Amino acid sequence: PNNIDGMARAVAAAFEMPLLERRLRWESMMKKLRSATIEKWFADFIEALDTAHGASRGRDPSGPDSDPSPLWPVRVAASGHSARIH
């Protein structure tokens, strides 16, 4: 949205797009949205963090010293605070 000219061109292209193309694009988008749950996003995000953390330490994140479960939910539960985990 920071590129005003680019946004204007994209909106103009959308208004001029044939109905069939709009429907096909909408169906494709909805298919992706329906398959992408918050749980899947969260799992993918945590996996990416674990991978980045392992790479920054120079080790394979799936190696023998890796911890497959994230510790923060345990810490939150043990702290006695009522935290919402999304």
PDB file of N, CA and C in Angstrom:
ATOM      1  N   PRO A   1       0.804  -1.213   0.000  1.00  0.00           N
ATOM      2  CA  PRO A   1       0.000   0.000   0.000  1.00  0.00           C
ATOM      3  C   PRO A   1       0.842   1.270   0.000  1.00  0.00           C
ATOM      4  N   ASN A   2       2.147   1.150   0.186  1.00  0.00           N
ATOM      5  CA  ASN A   2       2.993   2.341   0.170  1.00  0.00           C
ATOM      6  C   ASN A   2       3.261   2.845  -1.237  1.00  0.00           C
ATOM      7  N   ASN A   3       3.049   2.005  -2.237  1.00  0.00           N
ATOM      8  CA  ASN A   3       3.252   2.387  -3.634  1.00  0.00           C
ATOM      9  C   ASN A   3       1.899   2.805  -4.210  1.00  0.00           C
ATOM     10  N   ILE A   4       1.611   4.075  -4.158  1.00  0.00           N
ATOM     11  CA  ILE A   4       0.295   4.583  -4.561  1.00  0.00           C
ATOM     12  C   ILE A   4       0.010   4.296  -6.031  1.00  0.00           C
ATOM     13  N   ASP A   5       0.998   4.521  -6.889  1.00  0.00           N
ATOM     14  CA  ASP A   5       0.789   4.268  -8.322  1.00  0.00           C
ATOM     15  C   ASP A   5       0.557   2.784  -8.595  1.00  0.00           C
ATOM     16  N   GLY A   6       1.331   1.942  -7.938  1.00  0.00           N
ATOM     17  CA  GLY A   6       1.162   0.502  -8.111  1.00  0.00           C
ATOM     18  C   GLY A   6      -0.199   0.028  -7.631  1.00  0.00           C
ATOM     19  N   MET A   7      -0.649   0.560  -6.501  1.00  0.00           N
ATOM     20  CA  MET A   7      -1.978   0.199  -5.987  1.00  0.00           C
ATOM     21  C   MET A   7      -3.066   0.668  -6.944  1.00  0.00           C
ATOM     22  N   ALA A   8      -2.912   1.874  -7.484  1.00  0.00           N
ATOM     23  CA  ALA A   8      -3.906   2.397  -8.429  1.00  0.00           C
ATOM     24  C   ALA A   8      -3.985   1.514  -9.668  1.00  0.00           C
ATOM     25  N   ARG A   9      -2.819   1.072 -10.167  1.00  0.00           N
ATOM     26  CA  ARG A   9      -2.814   0.182 -11.341  1.00  0.00           C
ATOM     27  C   ARG A   9      -3.462  -1.161 -11.013  1.00  0.00           C
ATOM     28  N   ALA A  10      -3.187  -1.696  -9.824  1.00  0.00           N
ATOM     29  CA  ALA A  10      -3.760  -2.985  -9.431  1.00  0.00           C
ATOM     30  C   ALA A  10      -5.273  -2.894  -9.281  1.00  0.00           C
ATOM     31  N   VAL A  11      -5.762  -1.814  -8.693  1.00  0.00           N
ATOM     32  CA  VAL A  11      -7.212  -1.631  -8.538  1.00  0.00           C
ATOM     33  C   VAL A  11      -7.864  -1.462  -9.906  1.00  0.00           C
ATOM     34  N   ALA A  12      -7.238  -0.687 -10.773  1.00  0.00           N
ATOM     35  CA  ALA A  12      -7.786  -0.495 -12.126  1.00  0.00           C
ATOM     36  C   ALA A  12      -7.829  -1.821 -12.879  1.00  0.00           C
ATOM     37  N   ALA A  13      -6.773  -2.628 -12.739  1.00  0.00           N
ATOM     38  CA  ALA A  13      -6.747  -3.937 -13.407  1.00  0.00           C
ATOM     39  C   ALA A  13      -7.844  -4.837 -12.859  1.00  0.00           C
ATOM     40  N   ALA A  14      -8.094  -4.766 -11.557  1.00  0.00           N
ATOM     41  CA  ALA A  14      -9.152  -5.581 -10.953  1.00  0.00           C
ATOM     42  C   ALA A  14     -10.525  -5.172 -11.479  1.00  0.00           C
ATOM     43  N   PHE A  15     -10.753  -3.876 -11.617  1.00  0.00           N
ATOM     44  CA  PHE A  15     -12.045  -3.410 -12.136  1.00  0.00           C
ATOM     45  C   PHE A  15     -12.263  -3.814 -13.593  1.00  0.00           C
ATOM     46  N   GLU A  16     -11.178  -3.897 -14.350  1.00  0.00           N
ATOM     47  CA  GLU A  16     -11.281  -4.234 -15.767  1.00  0.00           C
ATOM     48  C   GLU A  16     -11.217  -5.739 -16.027  1.00  0.00           C
ATOM     49  N   MET A  17     -10.936  -6.528 -15.000  1.00  0.00           N
ATOM     50  CA  MET A  17     -10.766  -7.969 -15.163  1.00  0.00           C
ATOM     51  C   MET A  17     -12.089  -8.640 -15.533  1.00  0.00           C
ATOM     52  N   PRO A  18     -12.051  -9.562 -16.472  1.00  0.00           N
ATOM     53  CA  PRO A  18     -13.276 -10.283 -16.837  1.00  0.00           C
ATOM     54  C   PRO A  18     -13.815 -11.099 -15.654  1.00  0.00           C
ATOM     55  N   LEU A  19     -15.119 -11.278 -15.619  1.00  0.00           N
ATOM     56  CA  LEU A  19     -15.766 -11.984 -14.519  1.00  0.00           C
ATOM     57  C   LEU A  19     -15.201 -13.387 -14.332  1.00  0.00           C
ATOM     58  N   LEU A  20     -14.972 -14.111 -15.404  1.00  0.00           N
ATOM     59  CA  LEU A  20     -14.447 -15.473 -15.303  1.00  0.00           C
ATOM     60  C   LEU A  20     -13.091 -15.487 -14.602  1.00  0.00           C
ATOM     61  N   GLU A  21     -12.208 -14.567 -14.962  1.00  0.00           N
ATOM     62  CA  GLU A  21     -10.890 -14.510 -14.322  1.00  0.00           C
ATOM     63  C   GLU A  21     -11.015 -14.153 -12.847  1.00  0.00           C
ATOM     64  N   ARG A  22     -11.910 -13.216 -12.528  1.00  0.00           N
ATOM     65  CA  ARG A  22     -12.122 -12.865 -11.114  1.00  0.00           C
ATOM     66  C   ARG A  22     -12.591 -14.065 -10.326  1.00  0.00           C
ATOM     67  N   ARG A  23     -13.531 -14.844 -10.884  1.00  0.00           N
ATOM     68  CA  ARG A  23     -14.037 -16.035 -10.198  1.00  0.00           C
ATOM     69  C   ARG A  23     -12.940 -17.074 -10.002  1.00  0.00           C
ATOM     70  N   LEU A  24     -12.137 -17.300 -11.039  1.00  0.00           N
ATOM     71  CA  LEU A  24     -11.050 -18.274 -10.925  1.00  0.00           C
ATOM     72  C   LEU A  24     -10.042 -17.855  -9.860  1.00  0.00           C
ATOM     73  N   ARG A  25      -9.703 -16.585  -9.839  1.00  0.00           N
ATOM     74  CA  ARG A  25      -8.765 -16.086  -8.826  1.00  0.00           C
ATOM     75  C   ARG A  25      -9.370 -16.193  -7.427  1.00  0.00           C
ATOM     76  N   TRP A  26     -10.655 -15.873  -7.301  1.00  0.00           N
ATOM     77  CA  TRP A  26     -11.331 -15.944  -6.009  1.00  0.00           C
ATOM     78  C   TRP A  26     -11.355 -17.385  -5.504  1.00  0.00           C
ATOM     79  N   GLU A  27     -11.688 -18.331  -6.390  1.00  0.00           N
ATOM     80  CA  GLU A  27     -11.725 -19.736  -5.991  1.00  0.00           C
ATOM     81  C   GLU A  27     -10.346 -20.225  -5.560  1.00  0.00           C
ATOM     82  N   SER A  28      -9.316 -19.829  -6.277  1.00  0.00           N
ATOM     83  CA  SER A  28      -7.952 -20.208  -5.914  1.00  0.00           C
ATOM     84  C   SER A  28      -7.575 -19.645  -4.544  1.00  0.00           C
ATOM     85  N   MET A  29      -7.900 -18.380  -4.310  1.00  0.00           N
ATOM     86  CA  MET A  29      -7.608 -17.752  -3.030  1.00  0.00           C
ATOM     87  C   MET A  29      -8.353 -18.445  -1.898  1.00  0.00           C
ATOM     88  N   MET A  30      -9.644 -18.735  -2.103  1.00  0.00           N
ATOM     89  CA  MET A  30     -10.445 -19.358  -1.053  1.00  0.00           C
ATOM     90  C   MET A  30      -9.948 -20.767  -0.729  1.00  0.00           C
ATOM     91  N   LYS A  31      -9.488 -21.490  -1.730  1.00  0.00           N
ATOM     92  CA  LYS A  31      -8.942 -22.829  -1.505  1.00  0.00           C
ATOM     93  C   LYS A  31      -7.738 -22.746  -0.567  1.00  0.00           C
ATOM     94  N   LYS A  32      -6.864 -21.781  -0.814  1.00  0.00           N
ATOM     95  CA  LYS A  32      -5.688 -21.602   0.039  1.00  0.00           C
ATOM     96  C   LYS A  32      -6.093 -21.161   1.438  1.00  0.00           C
ATOM     97  N   LEU A  33      -7.043 -20.250   1.537  1.00  0.00           N
ATOM     98  CA  LEU A  33      -7.468 -19.758   2.843  1.00  0.00           C
ATOM     99  C   LEU A  33      -8.127 -20.848   3.676  1.00  0.00           C
ATOM    100  N   ARG A  34      -8.916 -21.695   3.049  1.00  0.00           N
ATOM    101  CA  ARG A  34      -9.589 -22.769   3.782  1.00  0.00           C
ATOM    102  C   ARG A  34      -8.608 -23.813   4.308  1.00  0.00           C
ATOM    103  N   SER A  35      -7.502 -24.003   3.616  1.00  0.00           N
ATOM    104  CA  SER A  35      -6.530 -25.010   4.047  1.00  0.00           C
ATOM    105  C   SER A  35      -5.527 -24.452   5.052  1.00  0.00           C
ATOM    106  N   ALA A  36      -5.506 -23.159   5.245  1.00  0.00           N
ATOM    107  CA  ALA A  36      -4.521 -22.528   6.120  1.00  0.00           C
ATOM    108  C   ALA A  36      -5.168 -22.151   7.448  1.00  0.00           C
ATOM    109  N   THR A  37      -5.121 -23.075   8.401  1.00  0.00           N
ATOM    110  CA  THR A  37      -5.680 -22.786   9.719  1.00  0.00           C
ATOM    111  C   THR A  37      -4.650 -22.051  10.567  1.00  0.00           C
ATOM    112  N   ILE A  38      -5.103 -21.449  11.628  1.00  0.00           N
ATOM    113  CA  ILE A  38      -4.183 -20.765  12.540  1.00  0.00           C
ATOM    114  C   ILE A  38      -3.242 -21.771  13.184  1.00  0.00           C
ATOM    115  N   GLU A  39      -3.728 -22.987  13.435  1.00  0.00           N
ATOM    116  CA  GLU A  39      -2.888 -24.019  14.023  1.00  0.00           C
ATOM    117  C   GLU A  39      -1.742 -24.389  13.081  1.00  0.00           C
ATOM    118  N   LYS A  40      -2.046 -24.509  11.783  1.00  0.00           N
ATOM    119  CA  LYS A  40      -1.002 -24.837  10.800  1.00  0.00           C
ATOM    120  C   LYS A  40      -0.013 -23.687  10.696  1.00  0.00           C
ATOM    121  N   TRP A  41      -0.505 -22.466  10.666  1.00  0.00           N
ATOM    122  CA  TRP A  41       0.383 -21.312  10.594  1.00  0.00           C
ATOM    123  C   TRP A  41       1.313 -21.298  11.804  1.00  0.00           C
ATOM    124  N   PHE A  42       0.760 -21.524  12.993  1.00  0.00           N
ATOM    125  CA  PHE A  42       1.555 -21.502  14.221  1.00  0.00           C
ATOM    126  C   PHE A  42       2.623 -22.590  14.195  1.00  0.00           C
ATOM    127  N   ALA A  43       2.244 -23.805  13.794  1.00  0.00           N
ATOM    128  CA  ALA A  43       3.205 -24.906  13.728  1.00  0.00           C
ATOM    129  C   ALA A  43       4.324 -24.587  12.734  1.00  0.00           C
ATOM    130  N   ASP A  44       3.969 -24.045  11.576  1.00  0.00           N
ATOM    131  CA  ASP A  44       4.978 -23.672  10.578  1.00  0.00           C
ATOM    132  C   ASP A  44       5.889 -22.558  11.102  1.00  0.00           C
ATOM    133  N   PHE A  45       5.305 -21.608  11.827  1.00  0.00           N
ATOM    134  CA  PHE A  45       6.072 -20.495  12.379  1.00  0.00           C
ATOM    135  C   PHE A  45       7.078 -20.997  13.411  1.00  0.00           C
ATOM    136  N   ILE A  46       6.628 -21.862  14.319  1.00  0.00           N
ATOM    137  CA  ILE A  46       7.519 -22.412  15.345  1.00  0.00           C
ATOM    138  C   ILE A  46       8.621 -23.240  14.695  1.00  0.00           C
ATOM    139  N   GLU A  47       8.266 -24.016  13.687  1.00  0.00           N
ATOM    140  CA  GLU A  47       9.276 -24.813  12.977  1.00  0.00           C
ATOM    141  C   GLU A  47      10.320 -23.909  12.326  1.00  0.00           C
ATOM    142  N   ALA A  48       9.890 -22.812  11.722  1.00  0.00           N
ATOM    143  CA  ALA A  48      10.829 -21.872  11.101  1.00  0.00           C
ATOM    144  C   ALA A  48      11.730 -21.228  12.152  1.00  0.00           C
ATOM    145  N   LEU A  49      11.171 -20.902  13.312  1.00  0.00           N
ATOM    146  CA  LEU A  49      11.989 -20.348  14.392  1.00  0.00           C
ATOM    147  C   LEU A  49      13.020 -21.360  14.861  1.00  0.00           C
ATOM    148  N   ASP A  50      12.597 -22.611  15.050  1.00  0.00           N
ATOM    149  CA  ASP A  50      13.528 -23.661  15.466  1.00  0.00           C
ATOM    150  C   ASP A  50      14.645 -23.838  14.444  1.00  0.00           C
ATOM    151  N   THR A  51      14.287 -23.819  13.168  1.00  0.00           N
ATOM    152  CA  THR A  51      15.283 -23.969  12.107  1.00  0.00           C
ATOM    153  C   THR A  51      16.267 -22.800  12.131  1.00  0.00           C
ATOM    154  N   ALA A  52      15.748 -21.589  12.254  1.00  0.00           N
ATOM    155  CA  ALA A  52      16.611 -20.409  12.292  1.00  0.00           C
ATOM    156  C   ALA A  52      17.499 -20.428  13.528  1.00  0.00           C
ATOM    157  N   HIS A  53      16.946 -20.844  14.653  1.00  0.00           N
ATOM    158  CA  HIS A  53      17.720 -20.904  15.894  1.00  0.00           C
ATOM    159  C   HIS A  53      18.844 -21.923  15.755  1.00  0.00           C
ATOM    160  N   GLY A  54      18.529 -23.082  15.172  1.00  0.00           N
ATOM    161  CA  GLY A  54      19.551 -24.106  14.966  1.00  0.00           C
ATOM    162  C   GLY A  54      20.626 -23.644  14.010  1.00  0.00           C
ATOM    163  N   ALA A  55      20.232 -22.952  12.955  1.00  0.00           N
ATOM    164  CA  ALA A  55      21.199 -22.463  11.972  1.00  0.00           C
ATOM    165  C   ALA A  55      22.107 -21.406  12.587  1.00  0.00           C
ATOM    166  N   SER A  56      21.553 -20.579  13.475  1.00  0.00           N
ATOM    167  CA  SER A  56      22.366 -19.533  14.088  1.00  0.00           C
ATOM    168  C   SER A  56      23.374 -20.117  15.068  1.00  0.00           C
ATOM    169  N   ARG A  57      23.098 -21.318  15.559  1.00  0.00           N
ATOM    170  CA  ARG A  57      24.037 -21.982  16.468  1.00  0.00           C
ATOM    171  C   ARG A  57      24.955 -22.945  15.725  1.00  0.00           C
ATOM    172  N   GLY A  58      24.760 -23.044  14.413  1.00  0.00           N
ATOM    173  CA  GLY A  58      25.617 -23.893  13.619  1.00  0.00           C
ATOM    174  C   GLY A  58      25.347 -25.375  13.791  1.00  0.00           C
ATOM    175  N   ARG A  59      24.107 -25.736  14.084  1.00  0.00           N
ATOM    176  CA  ARG A  59      23.782 -27.153  14.235  1.00  0.00           C
ATOM    177  C   ARG A  59      22.535 -27.472  13.439  1.00  0.00           C
ATOM    178  N   ASP A  60      22.322 -28.741  13.231  1.00  0.00           N
ATOM    179  CA  ASP A  60      21.128 -29.216  12.539  1.00  0.00           C
ATOM    180  C   ASP A  60      19.976 -29.216  13.535  1.00  0.00           C
ATOM    181  N   PRO A  61      18.894 -28.455  13.277  1.00  0.00           N
ATOM    182  CA  PRO A  61      17.793 -28.394  14.247  1.00  0.00           C
ATOM    183  C   PRO A  61      17.092 -29.723  14.448  1.00  0.00           C
ATOM    184  N   SER A  62      17.289 -30.676  13.552  1.00  0.00           N
ATOM    185  CA  SER A  62      16.663 -31.982  13.740  1.00  0.00           C
ATOM    186  C   SER A  62      17.665 -32.994  14.282  1.00  0.00           C
ATOM    187  N   GLY A  63      18.812 -32.510  14.716  1.00  0.00           N
ATOM    188  CA  GLY A  63      19.856 -33.390  15.228  1.00  0.00           C
ATOM    189  C   GLY A  63      19.515 -33.962  16.589  1.00  0.00           C
ATOM    190  N   PRO A  64      20.436 -34.766  17.152  1.00  0.00           N
ATOM    191  CA  PRO A  64      20.153 -35.469  18.405  1.00  0.00           C
ATOM    192  C   PRO A  64      19.969 -34.559  19.607  1.00  0.00           C
ATOM    193  N   ASP A  65      20.538 -33.347  19.576  1.00  0.00           N
ATOM    194  CA  ASP A  65      20.387 -32.456  20.726  1.00  0.00           C
ATOM    195  C   ASP A  65      19.221 -31.496  20.576  1.00  0.00           C
ATOM    196  N   SER A  66      18.394 -31.729  19.577  1.00  0.00           N
ATOM    197  CA  SER A  66      17.252 -30.829  19.379  1.00  0.00           C
ATOM    198  C   SER A  66      16.125 -31.203  20.323  1.00  0.00           C
ATOM    199  N   ASP A  67      15.379 -30.210  20.724  1.00  0.00           N
ATOM    200  CA  ASP A  67      14.213 -30.417  21.579  1.00  0.00           C
ATOM    201  C   ASP A  67      12.986 -30.282  20.699  1.00  0.00           C
ATOM    202  N   PRO A  68      12.249 -31.365  20.451  1.00  0.00           N
ATOM    203  CA  PRO A  68      11.129 -31.288  19.521  1.00  0.00           C
ATOM    204  C   PRO A  68       9.947 -30.477  20.022  1.00  0.00           C
ATOM    205  N   SER A  69       9.873 -30.228  21.326  1.00  0.00           N
ATOM    206  CA  SER A  69       8.726 -29.481  21.838  1.00  0.00           C
ATOM    207  C   SER A  69       9.170 -28.104  22.309  1.00  0.00           C
ATOM    208  N   PRO A  70       8.455 -27.070  21.926  1.00  0.00           N
ATOM    209  CA  PRO A  70       8.809 -25.732  22.411  1.00  0.00           C
ATOM    210  C   PRO A  70       8.561 -25.632  23.909  1.00  0.00           C
ATOM    211  N   LEU A  71       9.429 -24.917  24.608  1.00  0.00           N
ATOM    212  CA  LEU A  71       9.330 -24.834  26.064  1.00  0.00           C
ATOM    213  C   LEU A  71       8.415 -23.733  26.550  1.00  0.00           C
ATOM    214  N   TRP A  72       8.126 -22.749  25.726  1.00  0.00           N
ATOM    215  CA  TRP A  72       7.362 -21.620  26.258  1.00  0.00           C
ATOM    216  C   TRP A  72       5.977 -21.988  26.745  1.00  0.00           C
ATOM    217  N   PRO A  73       5.219 -22.940  26.137  1.00  0.00           N
ATOM    218  CA  PRO A  73       3.914 -23.264  26.724  1.00  0.00           C
ATOM    219  C   PRO A  73       4.046 -23.844  28.125  1.00  0.00           C
ATOM    220  N   VAL A  74       5.117 -24.620  28.366  1.00  0.00           N
ATOM    221  CA  VAL A  74       5.342 -25.185  29.694  1.00  0.00           C
ATOM    222  C   VAL A  74       5.648 -24.071  30.672  1.00  0.00           C
ATOM    223  N   ARG A  75       6.474 -23.127  30.253  1.00  0.00           N
ATOM    224  CA  ARG A  75       6.804 -22.007  31.133  1.00  0.00           C
ATOM    225  C   ARG A  75       5.574 -21.167  31.446  1.00  0.00           C
ATOM    226  N   VAL A  76       4.747 -20.931  30.459  1.00  0.00           N
ATOM    227  CA  VAL A  76       3.528 -20.149  30.681  1.00  0.00           C
ATOM    228  C   VAL A  76       2.615 -20.883  31.647  1.00  0.00           C
ATOM    229  N   ALA A  77       2.435 -22.181  31.448  1.00  0.00           N
ATOM    230  CA  ALA A  77       1.558 -22.961  32.319  1.00  0.00           C
ATOM    231  C   ALA A  77       2.110 -23.024  33.733  1.00  0.00           C
ATOM    232  N   ALA A  78       3.433 -23.134  33.872  1.00  0.00           N
ATOM    233  CA  ALA A  78       4.046 -23.252  35.184  1.00  0.00           C
ATOM    234  C   ALA A  78       4.083 -21.923  35.926  1.00  0.00           C
ATOM    235  N   SER A  79       3.932 -20.822  35.217  1.00  0.00           N
ATOM    236  CA  SER A  79       4.047 -19.518  35.859  1.00  0.00           C
ATOM    237  C   SER A  79       2.823 -19.159  36.692  1.00  0.00           C
ATOM    238  N   GLY A  80       1.726 -19.876  36.480  1.00  0.00           N
ATOM    239  CA  GLY A  80       0.517 -19.585  37.227  1.00  0.00           C
ATOM    240  C   GLY A  80      -0.315 -18.477  36.628  1.00  0.00           C
ATOM    241  N   HIS A  81       0.178 -17.846  35.572  1.00  0.00           N
ATOM    242  CA  HIS A  81      -0.587 -16.792  34.903  1.00  0.00           C
ATOM    243  C   HIS A  81      -1.575 -17.423  33.940  1.00  0.00           C
ATOM    244  N   SER A  82      -2.697 -16.803  33.815  1.00  0.00           N
ATOM    245  CA  SER A  82      -3.673 -17.297  32.842  1.00  0.00           C
ATOM    246  C   SER A  82      -3.412 -16.597  31.519  1.00  0.00           C
ATOM    247  N   ALA A  83      -2.619 -17.229  30.695  1.00  0.00           N
ATOM    248  CA  ALA A  83      -2.275 -16.662  29.391  1.00  0.00           C
ATOM    249  C   ALA A  83      -3.017 -17.409  28.309  1.00  0.00           C
ATOM    250  N   ARG A  84      -3.449 -16.675  27.320  1.00  0.00           N
ATOM    251  CA  ARG A  84      -4.098 -17.303  26.168  1.00  0.00           C
ATOM    252  C   ARG A  84      -3.034 -17.646  25.152  1.00  0.00           C
ATOM    253  N   ILE A  85      -2.996 -18.894  24.747  1.00  0.00           N
ATOM    254  CA  ILE A  85      -2.052 -19.337  23.737  1.00  0.00           C
ATOM    255  C   ILE A  85      -2.822 -19.481  22.448  1.00  0.00           C
ATOM    256  N   HIS A  86      -2.473 -18.682  21.457  1.00  0.00           N
ATOM    257  CA  HIS A  86      -3.182 -18.688  20.171  1.00  0.00           C
ATOM    258  C   HIS A  86      -2.475 -19.571  19.210  1.00  0.00           C
TER     259      HIS A  86
END
